[in-house]
Protein backbone atom coordinates (compact mmCIF):
# COMPACT_ATOMS: atom_id res chain seq x y z
CA UNK A 1 -8.19 -2.82 12.23
CA UNK A 2 -9.64 -1.57 15.52
CA UNK A 3 -10.34 -3.90 18.31
CA UNK A 4 -11.94 -3.06 21.70
CA UNK A 5 -10.29 -2.37 24.95
CA UNK A 6 -13.18 -3.27 28.28
CA UNK A 7 -11.97 -3.61 31.80
CA UNK A 8 -13.74 -3.77 34.79
CA UNK A 9 -16.67 -4.49 34.17
CA UNK A 10 -17.66 -6.02 37.12
CA UNK A 11 -21.50 -7.13 35.91
CA UNK A 12 -21.97 -4.70 33.91
CA UNK A 13 -22.41 -6.25 31.24
CA UNK A 14 -25.01 -3.38 29.30
CA UNK A 15 -22.63 -0.85 29.46
CA UNK A 16 -19.81 -2.80 27.25
CA UNK A 17 -23.00 -3.91 24.52
CA UNK A 18 -24.76 0.04 24.86
CA UNK A 19 -20.47 0.79 24.30
CA UNK A 20 -20.25 -1.29 20.96
CA UNK A 21 -23.28 -0.48 19.57
CA UNK A 22 -22.55 2.47 19.75
CA UNK A 23 -19.56 2.13 18.22
CA UNK A 24 -20.60 -0.20 15.35
CA UNK A 25 -18.21 -2.84 14.16
CA UNK A 26 -15.17 -4.09 15.63
CA UNK A 27 -12.77 -6.64 14.58
CA UNK A 28 -11.82 -8.14 18.32
CA UNK A 29 -12.80 -7.76 21.91
CA UNK A 30 -10.44 -7.52 24.86
CA UNK A 31 -11.36 -7.59 28.01
CA UNK A 32 -8.84 -6.87 30.57
CA UNK A 33 -9.92 -8.58 33.59
CA UNK A 34 -13.01 -7.81 36.66
CA UNK A 35 -15.37 -9.95 35.54
CA UNK A 36 -14.48 -12.95 33.16
CA UNK A 37 -18.06 -13.24 32.57
CA UNK A 38 -18.96 -10.99 31.08
CA UNK A 39 -16.49 -11.09 28.22
CA UNK A 40 -17.68 -14.54 28.14
CA UNK A 41 -21.41 -13.42 27.60
CA UNK A 42 -20.27 -10.48 24.68
CA UNK A 43 -19.13 -13.44 23.08
CA UNK A 44 -22.51 -15.03 23.44
CA UNK A 45 -23.80 -11.71 22.39
CA UNK A 46 -21.63 -10.62 19.11
CA UNK A 47 -20.34 -13.63 17.89
CA UNK A 48 -18.50 -12.79 15.20
CA UNK A 49 -16.12 -10.93 17.09
CA UNK A 50 -13.35 -12.50 18.51
CA UNK A 51 -12.99 -11.63 22.32
CA UNK A 52 -9.62 -12.85 24.21
CA UNK A 53 -9.66 -12.01 28.03
CA UNK A 54 -6.99 -11.59 31.03
CA UNK A 55 -9.00 -12.41 34.35
CA UNK A 56 -8.23 -9.43 37.10
CA UNK A 57 -7.63 -9.97 40.88
CA UNK A 58 -12.08 -10.85 40.64
CA UNK A 59 -11.57 -13.63 39.56
CA UNK A 60 -8.75 -15.00 41.99
CA UNK A 61 -8.33 -18.72 41.89
CA UNK A 62 -10.39 -18.77 38.14
CA UNK A 63 -7.81 -21.65 35.78
CA UNK A 64 -8.19 -18.93 32.85
CA UNK A 65 -4.72 -16.42 32.45
CA UNK A 66 -4.24 -13.73 34.13
CA UNK A 67 -1.61 -12.46 31.70
CA UNK A 68 -1.61 -12.90 27.56
CA UNK A 69 0.62 -12.02 25.43
CA UNK A 70 -0.95 -11.68 21.31
CA UNK A 71 -0.20 -10.80 18.21
CA UNK A 72 -2.70 -8.25 16.27
CA UNK A 73 -2.32 -6.45 12.65
CA UNK A 74 1.16 -7.35 13.21
CA UNK A 75 1.34 -5.86 17.19
CA UNK A 76 2.23 -7.88 19.96
CA UNK A 77 0.59 -6.58 22.64
CA UNK A 78 0.89 -8.23 26.52
CA UNK A 79 -2.25 -7.74 28.54
CA UNK A 80 -2.81 -7.67 31.83
CA UNK A 81 -5.24 -6.68 34.50
CA UNK A 82 -2.57 -4.84 36.43
CA UNK A 83 -3.16 -6.03 39.85
CA UNK A 84 -0.13 -8.22 40.16
CA UNK A 85 2.06 -5.30 39.13
CA UNK A 86 1.33 -3.24 41.50
CA UNK A 87 -0.23 -0.46 39.38
CA UNK A 88 -2.19 1.43 42.31
CA UNK A 89 1.90 2.31 43.14
CA UNK A 90 2.97 3.37 39.98
CA UNK A 91 3.69 1.28 36.62
CA UNK A 92 7.32 0.52 36.49
CA UNK A 93 7.19 -2.95 37.22
CA UNK A 94 4.21 -3.33 34.49
CA UNK A 95 6.44 -1.66 32.23
CA UNK A 96 9.45 -4.05 33.01
CA UNK A 97 6.91 -7.25 31.96
CA UNK A 98 6.80 -6.81 28.56
CA UNK A 99 9.84 -4.37 27.32
CA UNK A 100 9.50 -6.18 23.68
CA UNK A 101 5.84 -5.12 23.69
CA UNK A 102 4.85 -2.61 21.18
CA UNK A 103 1.62 -2.13 23.77
CA UNK A 104 1.08 -3.05 27.34
CA UNK A 105 -2.57 -3.16 28.76
CA UNK A 106 -4.17 -2.90 31.88
CA UNK A 107 -7.08 -2.30 33.21
CA UNK A 108 -6.94 -2.74 37.57
CA UNK A 109 -7.14 1.63 38.08
CA UNK A 110 -10.35 2.50 36.74
CA UNK A 111 -8.46 5.64 35.41
CA UNK A 112 -7.63 6.48 31.09
CA UNK A 113 -4.38 5.56 31.07
CA UNK A 114 -2.15 6.04 28.01
CA UNK A 115 1.88 7.27 28.39
CA UNK A 116 5.26 6.01 28.32
CA UNK A 117 7.47 4.15 30.82
CA UNK A 118 10.94 3.50 31.04
CA UNK A 119 10.06 3.59 27.24
CA UNK A 120 6.91 1.46 26.13
CA UNK A 121 3.08 1.86 25.64
CA UNK A 122 1.06 1.50 28.11
CA UNK A 123 -2.64 2.27 27.87
CA UNK A 124 -5.50 2.33 30.72
CA UNK A 125 -9.07 2.13 28.67
CA UNK A 126 -10.49 2.99 32.61
CA UNK A 127 -13.65 1.65 33.81
CA UNK A 128 -16.63 0.81 31.16
CA UNK A 129 -18.72 0.78 34.61
CA UNK A 130 -16.89 2.05 37.46
CA UNK A 131 -14.85 4.92 37.21
CA UNK A 132 -12.83 6.47 39.46
CA UNK A 133 -13.43 9.94 37.90
CA UNK A 134 -15.49 10.84 35.29
CA UNK A 135 -18.07 9.53 32.57
CA UNK A 136 -17.55 5.46 32.06
CA UNK A 137 -14.67 4.61 29.20
CA UNK A 138 -12.99 2.21 26.95
CA UNK A 139 -10.08 2.07 24.49
CA UNK A 140 -10.27 1.89 20.30
CA UNK A 141 -6.91 0.77 19.06
CA UNK A 142 -6.88 1.29 15.42
CA UNK A 143 -3.71 -0.82 13.89
CA UNK A 144 -3.73 0.65 9.59
CA UNK A 145 -0.20 -0.21 7.55
CA UNK A 146 1.74 -1.34 10.00
CA UNK A 147 0.97 2.00 12.55
CA UNK A 148 -0.97 1.39 16.21
CA UNK A 149 -3.35 4.45 17.57
CA UNK A 150 -4.75 4.26 21.07
CA UNK A 151 -7.77 6.60 21.68
CA UNK A 152 -9.94 6.62 24.91
CA UNK A 153 -14.08 6.59 23.94
CA UNK A 154 -16.07 8.31 26.38
CA UNK A 155 -19.67 6.74 27.64
């Protein structure tokens, strides 16, 4: 199973679409917030690919979820934007939220990250539109035969 993870698209849907066209087949899309409308529009442009999304600080007051735990390919994924866990000030608070997850996905910082904090695997795809440094990026999760691997894809 191949999953693409976007965050912080901020209304620049064309960056997501271009990236999906370059990467090719994915089985699922995840959008980690900032902008929920982009996630909805992705679902319209690619109706055959399921999408799961959470809201970010750009959607304060939204009725949709700010955090979700989902299972894909037999792996538990905790999704959030990250602003409610103050990820710009450190990652320990976020790691404590989902110690049972196989992978914790977050955005908000606009910086790619892949590492373990307090024994919890955290992954930030970076921003597909407004990177803090470097080029726009997204994440790729591959789940095969019970094994999970993550990587960053740079535009």
